[in-house]
Amino acid sequence: FAYHRDVIDELYAQLHDSFGIADVNGATARENRQMEVDRFQSNPNVNIFTCQLQTAGVGLTLTAASEAIIVESSWVPAENEQAIMRIHRIGQRNARRARFATLAKSIDEKIYRAVIRKAEDIIQLFN
């Protein structure tokens, strides 16, 4: 998962020669989104699903995956959580893992820390 479409496009460009990839981003027509999900879910040769957080982070079932990697986090903890929940659905048979990829001393590291702090504040507020 990534926030910006150009990040997803670059991931796709770098990986598509070596891996089978399904992709859903803001430019993917609504009628084609489920087709991409179905390719990922049912084709054993499609083993990577690249997607934009806001486009594919809600309502999709990606139980063919056992790992979610957020390479570009949202500032909104709920958007990150919703994306991770795409692999944690009814029908998931495998252990799951979610990871946030960040570079040391980058803006992504600062965003990640801010998101963690916001999530902790929300938990305290409602407990």
C-alpha atoms as a PDB file:
ATOM      1  CA  PHE A   1       0.000   0.000   0.000  1.00  0.00           C
ATOM      2  CA  ALA A   2       1.089   3.569  -0.644  1.00  0.00           C
ATOM      3  CA  TYR A   3      -0.598   6.934  -0.400  1.00  0.00           C
ATOM      4  CA  HIS A   4       0.512   8.552  -3.681  1.00  0.00           C
ATOM      5  CA  ARG A   5      -0.201   7.065  -7.077  1.00  0.00           C
ATOM      6  CA  ASP A   6       3.274   7.833  -8.423  1.00  0.00           C
ATOM      7  CA  VAL A   7       4.754   5.647  -5.666  1.00  0.00           C
ATOM      8  CA  ILE A   8       2.455   2.773  -6.677  1.00  0.00           C
ATOM      9  CA  ASP A   9       3.322   3.333 -10.344  1.00  0.00           C
ATOM     10  CA  GLU A  10       7.053   3.146  -9.563  1.00  0.00           C
ATOM     11  CA  LEU A  11       6.641  -0.016  -7.475  1.00  0.00           C
ATOM     12  CA  TYR A  12       4.698  -1.575 -10.318  1.00  0.00           C
ATOM     13  CA  ALA A  13       7.328  -0.544 -12.868  1.00  0.00           C
ATOM     14  CA  GLN A  14      10.155  -1.987 -10.776  1.00  0.00           C
ATOM     15  CA  LEU A  15       8.430  -5.287  -9.956  1.00  0.00           C
ATOM     16  CA  HIS A  16       6.261  -6.257 -12.925  1.00  0.00           C
ATOM     17  CA  ASP A  17       9.055  -7.938 -14.919  1.00  0.00           C
ATOM     18  CA  SER A  18       9.884 -10.314 -12.062  1.00  0.00           C
ATOM     19  CA  PHE A  19       6.505 -10.929 -10.418  1.00  0.00           C
ATOM     20  CA  GLY A  20       2.868 -11.334 -11.320  1.00  0.00           C
ATOM     21  CA  ILE A  21       1.176  -8.149 -10.117  1.00  0.00           C
ATOM     22  CA  ALA A  22      -2.392  -6.985  -9.730  1.00  0.00           C
ATOM     23  CA  ASP A  23      -2.890  -3.259  -9.229  1.00  0.00           C
ATOM     24  CA  VAL A  24      -5.633  -0.953  -7.996  1.00  0.00           C
ATOM     25  CA  ASN A  25      -5.067   2.785  -7.855  1.00  0.00           C
ATOM     26  CA  GLY A  26      -7.039   5.961  -8.393  1.00  0.00           C
ATOM     27  CA  ALA A  27      -6.871   5.537 -12.169  1.00  0.00           C
ATOM     28  CA  THR A  28      -8.304   2.003 -12.092  1.00  0.00           C
ATOM     29  CA  ALA A  29     -11.877   2.095 -13.338  1.00  0.00           C
ATOM     30  CA  ARG A  30     -14.370   0.936 -10.701  1.00  0.00           C
ATOM     31  CA  GLU A  31     -15.543  -1.913 -12.938  1.00  0.00           C
ATOM     32  CA  ASN A  32     -11.944  -3.192 -13.227  1.00  0.00           C
ATOM     33  CA  ARG A  33     -11.067  -3.090  -9.519  1.00  0.00           C
ATOM     34  CA  GLN A  34     -12.793  -6.353  -8.637  1.00  0.00           C
ATOM     35  CA  MET A  35     -11.245  -7.982 -11.704  1.00  0.00           C
ATOM     36  CA  GLU A  36      -7.786  -7.111 -10.346  1.00  0.00           C
ATOM     37  CA  VAL A  37      -8.735  -8.431  -6.894  1.00  0.00           C
ATOM     38  CA  ASP A  38     -10.007 -11.659  -8.457  1.00  0.00           C
ATOM     39  CA  ARG A  39      -6.743 -12.082 -10.407  1.00  0.00           C
ATOM     40  CA  PHE A  40      -4.779 -11.712  -7.186  1.00  0.00           C
ATOM     41  CA  GLN A  41      -7.068 -13.966  -5.167  1.00  0.00           C
ATOM     42  CA  SER A  42      -7.284 -16.829  -7.672  1.00  0.00           C
ATOM     43  CA  ASN A  43      -4.186 -16.792  -9.911  1.00  0.00           C
ATOM     44  CA  PRO A  44      -1.164 -18.399  -8.211  1.00  0.00           C
ATOM     45  CA  ASN A  45       1.120 -16.545 -10.639  1.00  0.00           C
ATOM     46  CA  VAL A  46      -0.092 -13.164  -9.335  1.00  0.00           C
ATOM     47  CA  ASN A  47       1.681 -12.805  -6.013  1.00  0.00           C
ATOM     48  CA  ILE A  48       1.846  -9.039  -5.474  1.00  0.00           C
ATOM     49  CA  PHE A  49      -1.016  -6.579  -5.180  1.00  0.00           C
ATOM     50  CA  THR A  50      -0.024  -2.910  -5.373  1.00  0.00           C
ATOM     51  CA  CYS A  51      -2.642  -0.437  -4.314  1.00  0.00           C
ATOM     52  CA  GLN A  52      -3.359   3.065  -3.155  1.00  0.00           C
ATOM     53  CA  LEU A  53      -4.481   3.383   0.461  1.00  0.00           C
ATOM     54  CA  GLN A  54      -7.589   5.419  -0.248  1.00  0.00           C
ATOM     55  CA  THR A  55      -8.588   3.509  -3.378  1.00  0.00           C
ATOM     56  CA  ALA A  56      -8.097  -0.069  -2.171  1.00  0.00           C
ATOM     57  CA  GLY A  57      -7.960   0.311   1.584  1.00  0.00           C
ATOM     58  CA  VAL A  58     -11.660  -0.326   2.188  1.00  0.00           C
ATOM     59  CA  GLY A  59     -14.003  -3.046   1.012  1.00  0.00           C
ATOM     60  CA  LEU A  60     -11.569  -5.350  -0.770  1.00  0.00           C
ATOM     61  CA  THR A  61     -10.792  -8.893   0.310  1.00  0.00           C
ATOM     62  CA  LEU A  62      -7.145  -9.792  -0.169  1.00  0.00           C
ATOM     63  CA  THR A  63      -6.885 -13.041   1.783  1.00  0.00           C
ATOM     64  CA  ALA A  64      -4.474 -14.490  -0.781  1.00  0.00           C
ATOM     65  CA  ALA A  65      -1.937 -12.267   0.985  1.00  0.00           C
ATOM     66  CA  SER A  66      -0.471 -13.054   4.341  1.00  0.00           C
ATOM     67  CA  GLU A  67       1.595  -9.868   4.498  1.00  0.00           C
ATOM     68  CA  ALA A  68       0.746  -6.204   3.995  1.00  0.00           C
ATOM     69  CA  ILE A  69       3.508  -3.669   3.545  1.00  0.00           C
ATOM     70  CA  ILE A  70       2.661  -0.009   3.809  1.00  0.00           C
ATOM     71  CA  VAL A  71       5.453   1.737   1.948  1.00  0.00           C
ATOM     72  CA  GLU A  72       3.895   5.172   2.327  1.00  0.00           C
ATOM     73  CA  SER A  73       1.712   5.707   5.360  1.00  0.00           C
ATOM     74  CA  SER A  74      -1.388   7.828   5.630  1.00  0.00           C
ATOM     75  CA  TRP A  75      -1.512  10.511   8.328  1.00  0.00           C
ATOM     76  CA  VAL A  76      -4.836   8.975   9.363  1.00  0.00           C
ATOM     77  CA  PRO A  77      -4.421   5.878  11.579  1.00  0.00           C
ATOM     78  CA  ALA A  78      -7.803   4.480  10.507  1.00  0.00           C
ATOM     79  CA  GLU A  79      -6.777   4.466   6.823  1.00  0.00           C
ATOM     80  CA  ASN A  80      -3.670   2.433   7.623  1.00  0.00           C
ATOM     81  CA  GLU A  81      -5.690   0.065   9.808  1.00  0.00           C
ATOM     82  CA  GLN A  82      -8.347  -0.406   7.127  1.00  0.00           C
ATOM     83  CA  ALA A  83      -5.660  -1.259   4.573  1.00  0.00           C
ATOM     84  CA  ILE A  84      -4.139  -3.848   6.879  1.00  0.00           C
ATOM     85  CA  MET A  85      -7.575  -5.343   7.487  1.00  0.00           C
ATOM     86  CA  ARG A  86      -7.850  -6.214   3.760  1.00  0.00           C
ATOM     87  CA  ILE A  87      -5.711  -9.322   4.455  1.00  0.00           C
ATOM     88  CA  HIS A  88      -7.460 -10.084   7.749  1.00  0.00           C
ATOM     89  CA  ARG A  89     -10.870 -11.185   6.529  1.00  0.00           C
ATOM     90  CA  ILE A  90     -13.142 -14.188   6.809  1.00  0.00           C
ATOM     91  CA  GLY A  91     -11.501 -16.964   4.856  1.00  0.00           C
ATOM     92  CA  GLN A  92      -7.925 -16.057   5.765  1.00  0.00           C
ATOM     93  CA  ARG A  93      -6.141 -19.294   6.622  1.00  0.00           C
ATOM     94  CA  ASN A  94      -2.578 -18.040   7.069  1.00  0.00           C
ATOM     95  CA  ALA A  95      -0.810 -16.084   9.771  1.00  0.00           C
ATOM     96  CA  ARG A  96      -0.741 -12.403   8.877  1.00  0.00           C
ATOM     97  CA  ARG A  97       1.878  -9.705   9.240  1.00  0.00           C
ATOM     98  CA  ALA A  98       1.766  -5.986   8.533  1.00  0.00           C
ATOM     99  CA  ARG A  99       4.854  -3.850   8.187  1.00  0.00           C
ATOM    100  CA  PHE A 100       5.509  -0.172   7.661  1.00  0.00           C
ATOM    101  CA  ALA A 101       8.517   0.570   5.464  1.00  0.00           C
ATOM    102  CA  THR A 102      10.352   3.758   6.359  1.00  0.00           C
ATOM    103  CA  LEU A 103      13.765   5.269   5.732  1.00  0.00           C
ATOM    104  CA  ALA A 104      15.711   6.517   8.726  1.00  0.00           C
ATOM    105  CA  LYS A 105      15.555  10.299   9.126  1.00  0.00           C
ATOM    106  CA  SER A 106      13.001  10.651   6.323  1.00  0.00           C
ATOM    107  CA  ILE A 107       9.614  12.339   6.292  1.00  0.00           C
ATOM    108  CA  ASP A 108       8.071   8.850   6.212  1.00  0.00           C
ATOM    109  CA  GLU A 109       9.665   8.055   9.566  1.00  0.00           C
ATOM    110  CA  LYS A 110       8.222  11.259  11.009  1.00  0.00           C
ATOM    111  CA  ILE A 111       4.774  10.473   9.584  1.00  0.00           C
ATOM    112  CA  TYR A 112       4.929   6.954  11.010  1.00  0.00           C
ATOM    113  CA  ARG A 113       5.795   8.274  14.473  1.00  0.00           C
ATOM    114  CA  ALA A 114       3.004  10.852  14.276  1.00  0.00           C
ATOM    115  CA  VAL A 115       0.494   8.188  13.220  1.00  0.00           C
ATOM    116  CA  ILE A 116       1.537   5.921  16.104  1.00  0.00           C
ATOM    117  CA  ARG A 117       1.178   8.821  18.536  1.00  0.00           C
ATOM    118  CA  LYS A 118      -2.257   9.687  17.122  1.00  0.00           C
ATOM    119  CA  ALA A 119      -3.403   6.063  17.376  1.00  0.00           C
ATOM    120  CA  GLU A 120      -2.234   5.872  20.997  1.00  0.00           C
ATOM    121  CA  ASP A 121      -4.075   9.115  21.782  1.00  0.00           C
ATOM    122  CA  ILE A 122      -7.265   7.755  20.215  1.00  0.00           C
ATOM    123  CA  ILE A 123      -7.010   4.553  22.268  1.00  0.00           C
ATOM    124  CA  GLN A 124      -6.548   6.543  25.488  1.00  0.00           C
ATOM    125  CA  LEU A 125      -9.395   8.859  24.614  1.00  0.00           C
ATOM    126  CA  PHE A 126     -11.871   6.024  24.167  1.00  0.00           C
ATOM    127  CA  ASN A 127     -10.726   3.741  26.998  1.00  0.00           C
END
